[in-house]
Amino acid sequence: MRIPSFGDLAGAVADLGVLVPLVAALVLVNGLDPGPVLVMAGVLSIAAGLWFGVPFPVQPLKAMTALAVAQALPPDVIRAAGLLLGLLLVALRVTGLADRVAAAFTTPVIRSLQLAVGVLLVVTAARLVLSPPALFTEVAPLGWADVGGVSLPSLGLSVPPVAVWASAFVLLVVPQLPLTYGNAVVGLSHLAREEFPSATRVTPGAVALSCGIGNVAAALVGGMPMCHGSSGFTAHVRLGARTPAMNVVLGGSLVLLGALFAGQVLSLFALLPVWGLAGLLAYAGVRHAALVLDLRGGELAMAVAAAAAGIVTGNLAVTTAIALAVVWLPRLRQRHRQRDLVAPAG
């Protein structure tokens, strides 16, 4: 692998506007240990980049994180949700469903999701500036002397208690799964092949397997639920990343922070300018939403309407359902009519 270019270095920081606030919320509100959270995110980032051979995103699961933070759910429930989602994604790959179902997600369906996600990222960026999280207002400043204190994380292996699996599934997995499959499995595969036609390893099945294994491993050691979000791919690539060297830079930095400076992570994050993070987030959101502009006519109108429904309701599963229905119901009716025409009389 070659030495990282300036574009790879710039691309490595492109998605921090998503990563930093969500990690901070899971640590501050839900009590996750930042050590395992960052180490596992870094390991998955490095592994995914090297395996797929292109800049590859790793993000916290946005819908799941938002729900977990809003309900102040304990770490065991969050870990159980990551484990169950990971197992479901692995099952999709093993059974072959990940690739077969992907055929239903036509370009207009994918673009509607990307538009909705992009707009929500811009809205989140505005909120980040107008109402900064506690990370940027309440975490004590960090002096240079404090950085020298190394604190090693605990990476003990344990299965989340079975008693919380049902609640984790209902509260977190069910709302997250449609978004993960549509945006982070099919959407990312589609986008990566558009940007890097030679990226033959990037298939829905392979992405589902990578995300699934990563979540199972993270859940067993106390990490956070993660995905390969397509908005992260847009952020990395549009800021210049062209090779998996980006993943080595980003992932290596996360592993270093989590392994050696877990106790100082929040204070280090607080040193980052909130307006800078918001700017990165807004830029990625605009570029991601703009992908819809390659549609025309009725397809564009459908994508905008489906995205708007998801944005208004705050539930991108609504966007997915509307887009799939609008695209496929007419096709299914047409096929049914054709079968009736060729069916023998009497």
Protein backbone atom coordinates (compact mmCIF):
# COMPACT_ATOMS: atom_id res chain seq x y z
CA MET A 1 0.00 0.00 0.00
CA ARG A 2 1.32 3.42 -0.95
CA ILE A 3 2.03 6.36 1.37
CA PRO A 4 -1.18 8.33 2.09
CA SER A 5 -1.69 11.28 -0.24
CA PHE A 6 -2.92 14.68 0.90
CA GLY A 7 -6.37 13.68 -0.34
CA ASP A 8 -6.32 10.54 1.80
CA LEU A 9 -5.27 12.58 4.84
CA ALA A 10 -8.02 15.13 4.22
CA GLY A 11 -10.56 12.40 3.60
CA ALA A 12 -9.67 10.74 6.90
CA VAL A 13 -11.12 13.67 8.88
CA ALA A 14 -14.11 14.22 6.58
CA ASP A 15 -16.62 12.21 8.62
CA LEU A 16 -15.63 13.41 12.09
CA GLY A 17 -18.75 15.58 12.15
CA VAL A 18 -20.75 12.36 12.48
CA LEU A 19 -18.30 10.29 14.52
CA VAL A 20 -17.34 12.72 17.29
CA PRO A 21 -20.80 13.87 18.49
CA LEU A 22 -22.30 10.37 18.37
CA VAL A 23 -19.40 8.72 20.18
CA ALA A 24 -19.46 11.48 22.79
CA ALA A 25 -23.20 11.02 23.33
CA LEU A 26 -22.85 7.25 23.80
CA VAL A 27 -20.09 7.82 26.35
CA LEU A 28 -21.65 10.74 28.24
CA VAL A 29 -25.30 9.63 28.24
CA ASN A 30 -25.19 5.85 27.95
CA GLY A 31 -21.96 5.10 29.77
CA LEU A 32 -20.08 3.23 27.04
CA ASP A 33 -16.34 2.89 27.60
CA PRO A 34 -14.57 5.07 24.99
CA GLY A 35 -11.61 2.67 24.87
CA PRO A 36 -13.36 -0.34 23.29
CA VAL A 37 -15.61 1.99 21.27
CA LEU A 38 -12.70 3.66 19.49
CA VAL A 39 -10.45 0.60 19.24
CA MET A 40 -13.14 -1.48 17.55
CA ALA A 41 -14.13 1.36 15.22
CA GLY A 42 -10.49 1.72 14.24
CA VAL A 43 -9.99 -2.00 13.69
CA LEU A 44 -13.11 -2.25 11.50
CA SER A 45 -12.03 0.82 9.52
CA ILE A 46 -8.58 -0.62 8.79
CA ALA A 47 -9.91 -4.10 8.00
CA ALA A 48 -12.67 -2.83 5.69
CA GLY A 49 -10.36 -0.51 3.79
CA LEU A 50 -7.73 -3.18 3.21
CA TRP A 51 -10.28 -5.83 2.24
CA PHE A 52 -12.38 -3.75 -0.15
CA GLY A 53 -9.40 -1.85 -1.57
CA VAL A 54 -11.10 1.57 -1.64
CA PRO A 55 -11.77 4.29 0.96
CA PHE A 56 -14.41 2.68 3.15
CA PRO A 57 -16.56 4.38 5.80
CA VAL A 58 -17.21 3.28 9.36
CA GLN A 59 -19.84 5.22 11.29
CA PRO A 60 -21.90 4.81 14.45
CA LEU A 61 -25.40 3.59 13.61
CA LYS A 62 -27.21 6.93 13.53
CA ALA A 63 -30.82 5.88 14.13
CA MET A 64 -29.86 3.37 16.81
CA THR A 65 -27.59 5.86 18.55
CA ALA A 66 -30.26 8.56 18.52
CA LEU A 67 -32.82 6.19 20.05
CA ALA A 68 -30.37 4.87 22.64
CA VAL A 69 -29.36 8.37 23.70
CA ALA A 70 -32.95 9.66 23.79
CA GLN A 71 -33.96 6.80 26.11
CA ALA A 72 -30.66 6.76 28.07
CA LEU A 73 -30.41 3.00 27.53
CA PRO A 74 -27.67 1.15 29.44
CA PRO A 75 -24.58 -0.31 27.72
CA ASP A 76 -25.85 -3.91 27.88
CA VAL A 77 -28.94 -3.06 25.80
CA ILE A 78 -26.83 -1.21 23.22
CA ARG A 79 -24.34 -4.08 23.02
CA ALA A 80 -27.19 -6.59 22.63
CA ALA A 81 -28.65 -4.52 19.80
CA GLY A 82 -25.29 -4.46 18.03
CA LEU A 83 -24.93 -8.22 18.46
CA LEU A 84 -28.41 -8.99 17.11
CA LEU A 85 -28.08 -6.62 14.17
CA GLY A 86 -24.68 -8.09 13.37
CA LEU A 87 -26.04 -11.63 13.42
CA LEU A 88 -28.93 -10.62 11.14
CA LEU A 89 -26.51 -9.06 8.64
CA VAL A 90 -24.31 -12.15 8.68
CA ALA A 91 -27.42 -14.28 8.09
CA LEU A 92 -28.37 -12.10 5.11
CA ARG A 93 -24.97 -12.80 3.60
CA VAL A 94 -24.86 -16.52 4.40
CA THR A 95 -28.33 -17.15 2.96
CA GLY A 96 -27.64 -15.04 -0.12
CA LEU A 97 -30.58 -12.75 0.65
CA ALA A 98 -28.36 -9.68 0.87
CA ASP A 99 -27.56 -9.84 -2.84
CA ARG A 100 -30.97 -11.07 -4.00
CA VAL A 101 -33.02 -8.45 -2.14
CA ALA A 102 -30.61 -5.74 -3.33
CA ALA A 103 -32.13 -6.06 -6.81
CA ALA A 104 -35.29 -4.41 -5.47
CA PHE A 105 -33.34 -1.29 -4.57
CA THR A 106 -33.24 0.42 -7.95
CA THR A 107 -31.35 3.68 -8.48
CA PRO A 108 -34.42 5.89 -7.71
CA VAL A 109 -34.97 4.04 -4.42
CA ILE A 110 -31.33 4.45 -3.43
CA ARG A 111 -31.28 8.12 -4.45
CA SER A 112 -34.37 8.85 -2.34
CA LEU A 113 -32.59 7.47 0.72
CA GLN A 114 -29.41 9.38 -0.08
CA LEU A 115 -31.36 12.61 -0.48
CA ALA A 116 -33.09 12.13 2.87
CA VAL A 117 -29.85 11.27 4.65
CA GLY A 118 -28.09 14.24 3.07
CA VAL A 119 -30.75 16.73 4.15
CA LEU A 120 -30.78 15.31 7.68
CA LEU A 121 -27.00 15.69 7.86
CA VAL A 122 -27.30 19.37 6.93
CA VAL A 123 -30.00 19.84 9.57
CA THR A 124 -27.80 18.08 12.12
CA ALA A 125 -24.89 20.37 11.20
CA ALA A 126 -27.04 23.44 11.85
CA ARG A 127 -28.13 22.06 15.22
CA LEU A 128 -24.51 21.28 16.08
CA VAL A 129 -23.66 24.97 15.78
CA LEU A 130 -26.86 26.46 17.20
CA SER A 131 -27.06 24.06 20.15
CA PRO A 132 -23.64 22.46 20.74
CA PRO A 133 -23.66 19.11 22.59
CA ALA A 134 -22.50 18.94 26.20
CA LEU A 135 -19.16 17.69 24.90
CA PHE A 136 -18.30 21.21 23.72
CA THR A 137 -19.80 23.11 26.65
CA GLU A 138 -19.37 21.00 29.77
CA VAL A 139 -16.26 18.82 29.32
CA ALA A 140 -13.29 20.26 31.18
CA PRO A 141 -10.46 21.61 28.99
CA LEU A 142 -7.43 19.39 28.66
CA GLY A 143 -3.96 20.67 29.43
CA TRP A 144 -0.94 19.32 27.63
CA ALA A 145 0.26 17.76 30.87
CA ASP A 146 -2.89 15.64 30.97
CA VAL A 147 -2.21 14.09 27.58
CA GLY A 148 0.80 12.29 28.93
CA GLY A 149 -1.30 10.07 31.18
CA VAL A 150 -1.77 6.79 29.34
CA SER A 151 -4.90 4.81 30.26
CA LEU A 152 -5.30 1.36 28.73
CA PRO A 153 -8.83 0.16 27.87
CA SER A 154 -10.53 -2.97 29.12
CA LEU A 155 -11.35 -5.31 26.23
CA GLY A 156 -12.80 -8.24 28.15
CA LEU A 157 -14.88 -10.70 26.12
CA SER A 158 -18.50 -11.10 27.25
CA VAL A 159 -21.93 -11.75 25.74
CA PRO A 160 -24.65 -9.18 26.55
CA PRO A 161 -27.20 -10.62 29.00
CA VAL A 162 -29.92 -12.60 27.22
CA ALA A 163 -32.51 -10.88 29.43
CA VAL A 164 -32.11 -7.62 27.47
CA TRP A 165 -32.13 -9.13 23.98
CA ALA A 166 -35.89 -8.75 23.41
CA SER A 167 -35.98 -5.10 24.45
CA ALA A 168 -32.84 -4.38 22.42
CA PHE A 169 -34.41 -5.95 19.34
CA VAL A 170 -37.70 -4.05 19.61
CA LEU A 171 -36.31 -0.69 20.71
CA LEU A 172 -33.19 -0.50 18.56
CA VAL A 173 -32.80 -3.22 15.93
CA VAL A 174 -36.23 -3.00 14.28
CA PRO A 175 -36.00 0.78 13.62
CA GLN A 176 -32.39 0.51 12.42
CA LEU A 177 -32.40 -2.52 10.12
CA PRO A 178 -34.23 -0.99 7.09
CA LEU A 179 -31.92 2.04 7.11
CA THR A 180 -28.81 -0.08 7.50
CA TYR A 181 -29.74 -2.40 4.65
CA GLY A 182 -30.96 0.31 2.30
CA ASN A 183 -28.32 2.98 2.95
CA ALA A 184 -25.28 1.21 4.39
CA VAL A 185 -25.43 -2.06 2.44
CA VAL A 186 -27.15 -1.52 -0.91
CA GLY A 187 -26.64 2.25 -1.10
CA LEU A 188 -22.95 2.04 -0.29
CA SER A 189 -22.36 -0.82 -2.74
CA HIS A 190 -24.07 1.16 -5.49
CA LEU A 191 -22.13 4.35 -4.72
CA ALA A 192 -18.75 2.62 -4.39
CA ARG A 193 -19.11 0.91 -7.76
CA GLU A 194 -20.08 4.21 -9.37
CA GLU A 195 -16.99 5.93 -7.96
CA PHE A 196 -14.59 2.98 -8.30
CA PRO A 197 -15.73 0.63 -11.10
CA SER A 198 -12.85 -1.73 -10.32
CA ALA A 199 -14.06 -2.28 -6.74
CA THR A 200 -15.49 -5.71 -7.52
CA ARG A 201 -15.35 -6.84 -3.90
CA VAL A 202 -17.90 -4.23 -2.88
CA THR A 203 -21.16 -6.18 -3.18
CA PRO A 204 -24.23 -6.01 -0.91
CA GLY A 205 -23.41 -9.44 0.48
CA ALA A 206 -19.80 -8.56 1.25
CA VAL A 207 -20.74 -5.25 2.86
CA ALA A 208 -23.42 -6.95 4.98
CA LEU A 209 -20.89 -9.55 6.10
CA SER A 210 -18.28 -6.92 6.99
CA CYS A 211 -20.78 -4.85 8.93
CA GLY A 212 -22.19 -7.94 10.61
CA ILE A 213 -18.86 -9.35 11.76
CA GLY A 214 -17.76 -5.91 12.93
CA ASN A 215 -20.88 -5.47 15.05
CA VAL A 216 -20.69 -8.93 16.58
CA ALA A 217 -17.04 -8.41 17.53
CA ALA A 218 -17.72 -4.92 18.89
CA ALA A 219 -20.66 -6.13 20.98
CA LEU A 220 -18.54 -8.83 22.61
CA VAL A 221 -15.86 -6.40 23.81
CA GLY A 222 -17.97 -3.33 24.64
CA GLY A 223 -17.83 -1.38 21.38
CA MET A 224 -20.62 0.59 19.78
CA PRO A 225 -22.94 -0.52 16.94
CA MET A 226 -21.46 0.53 13.58
CA CYS A 227 -22.19 0.54 9.86
CA HIS A 228 -20.60 1.38 6.53
CA GLY A 229 -22.82 4.41 5.88
CA SER A 230 -22.93 5.70 2.31
CA SER A 231 -22.89 9.31 3.56
CA GLY A 232 -19.51 8.57 5.12
CA PHE A 233 -18.27 7.29 1.78
CA THR A 234 -19.37 10.54 0.14
CA ALA A 235 -17.61 12.56 2.83
CA HIS A 236 -14.31 10.69 2.53
CA VAL A 237 -14.22 10.66 -1.26
CA ARG A 238 -15.37 14.25 -1.83
CA LEU A 239 -12.60 15.52 0.44
CA GLY A 240 -10.05 13.66 -1.62
CA ALA A 241 -9.66 10.07 -0.35
CA ARG A 242 -8.85 7.68 -3.19
CA THR A 243 -7.15 4.69 -1.53
CA PRO A 244 -7.52 2.52 1.59
CA ALA A 245 -4.56 4.44 3.03
CA MET A 246 -7.31 6.76 4.30
CA ASN A 247 -8.65 3.91 6.42
CA VAL A 248 -5.23 3.13 7.83
CA VAL A 249 -4.78 6.78 8.87
CA LEU A 250 -8.25 7.11 10.38
CA GLY A 251 -8.42 3.63 11.87
CA GLY A 252 -4.90 3.80 13.26
CA SER A 253 -5.68 7.13 14.93
CA LEU A 254 -8.84 5.73 16.52
CA VAL A 255 -7.01 2.64 17.78
CA LEU A 256 -4.26 4.83 19.24
CA LEU A 257 -6.75 7.11 20.98
CA GLY A 258 -8.81 4.23 22.34
CA ALA A 259 -5.84 2.12 23.41
CA LEU A 260 -3.72 4.79 25.07
CA PHE A 261 -5.89 7.82 25.83
CA ALA A 262 -9.36 6.46 26.61
CA GLY A 263 -9.60 8.56 29.75
CA GLN A 264 -8.80 11.76 27.87
CA VAL A 265 -10.84 11.11 24.71
CA LEU A 266 -13.74 13.43 25.51
CA SER A 267 -11.43 16.27 26.47
CA LEU A 268 -9.46 15.76 23.27
CA PHE A 269 -12.68 15.75 21.24
CA ALA A 270 -13.73 18.98 22.98
CA LEU A 271 -10.66 20.71 21.54
CA LEU A 272 -12.10 20.28 18.03
CA PRO A 273 -13.92 23.40 16.74
CA VAL A 274 -17.63 22.68 16.64
CA TRP A 275 -18.06 24.91 13.59
CA GLY A 276 -15.41 22.90 11.75
CA LEU A 277 -17.17 19.62 12.49
CA ALA A 278 -20.48 21.16 11.45
CA GLY A 279 -18.92 22.42 8.23
CA LEU A 280 -17.64 18.94 7.34
CA LEU A 281 -21.04 17.47 8.15
CA ALA A 282 -22.93 20.04 6.08
CA TYR A 283 -20.59 19.65 3.11
CA ALA A 284 -21.00 15.87 3.15
CA GLY A 285 -24.76 16.28 3.46
CA VAL A 286 -25.02 18.62 0.47
CA ARG A 287 -22.85 16.41 -1.73
CA HIS A 288 -24.76 13.30 -0.65
CA ALA A 289 -28.16 14.88 -1.29
CA ALA A 290 -26.99 16.17 -4.68
CA LEU A 291 -26.64 12.59 -5.93
CA VAL A 292 -30.39 12.68 -6.61
CA LEU A 293 -29.81 15.16 -9.44
CA ASP A 294 -28.91 12.38 -11.86
CA LEU A 295 -32.60 11.42 -11.89
CA ARG A 296 -35.12 13.04 -14.23
CA GLY A 297 -38.87 13.48 -14.51
CA GLY A 298 -41.09 11.15 -12.54
CA GLU A 299 -38.16 9.33 -10.92
CA LEU A 300 -36.82 12.60 -9.52
CA ALA A 301 -40.27 13.63 -8.27
CA MET A 302 -40.75 10.26 -6.59
CA ALA A 303 -37.34 10.41 -4.90
CA VAL A 304 -37.97 13.93 -3.59
CA ALA A 305 -41.44 13.03 -2.29
CA ALA A 306 -40.25 9.83 -0.60
CA ALA A 307 -37.29 11.63 0.95
CA ALA A 308 -39.53 14.44 2.19
CA ALA A 309 -41.83 11.95 3.90
CA GLY A 310 -38.91 10.37 5.72
CA ILE A 311 -37.49 13.75 6.74
CA VAL A 312 -40.84 15.02 8.07
CA THR A 313 -41.55 11.84 10.03
CA GLY A 314 -37.94 11.44 11.16
CA ASN A 315 -38.08 7.83 10.01
CA LEU A 316 -36.17 6.83 6.89
CA ALA A 317 -37.97 3.49 6.86
CA VAL A 318 -40.90 5.56 5.57
CA THR A 319 -38.73 6.79 2.69
CA THR A 320 -37.71 3.23 1.89
CA ALA A 321 -41.28 1.91 1.97
CA ILE A 322 -42.70 4.70 -0.20
CA ALA A 323 -39.90 4.50 -2.77
CA LEU A 324 -40.13 0.72 -3.05
CA ALA A 325 -43.92 0.87 -3.37
CA VAL A 326 -43.90 3.59 -6.05
CA VAL A 327 -41.21 1.83 -8.08
CA TRP A 328 -42.42 -1.75 -7.82
CA LEU A 329 -46.23 -1.72 -7.54
CA PRO A 330 -46.74 -0.52 -11.15
CA ARG A 331 -44.22 -3.09 -12.39
CA LEU A 332 -45.93 -5.87 -10.48
CA ARG A 333 -49.35 -4.84 -11.83
CA GLN A 334 -47.94 -4.79 -15.37
CA ARG A 335 -46.51 -8.29 -14.97
CA HIS A 336 -49.85 -9.49 -13.61
CA ARG A 337 -51.68 -8.07 -16.67
CA GLN A 338 -49.18 -9.70 -19.02
CA ARG A 339 -49.72 -13.08 -17.35
CA ASP A 340 -53.49 -12.65 -17.72
CA LEU A 341 -53.10 -11.88 -21.43
CA VAL A 342 -51.04 -14.98 -22.17
CA ALA A 343 -53.04 -17.31 -19.93
CA PRO A 344 -55.16 -19.83 -21.91
CA ALA A 345 -58.89 -19.15 -21.94
CA GLY A 346 -61.28 -21.42 -20.06
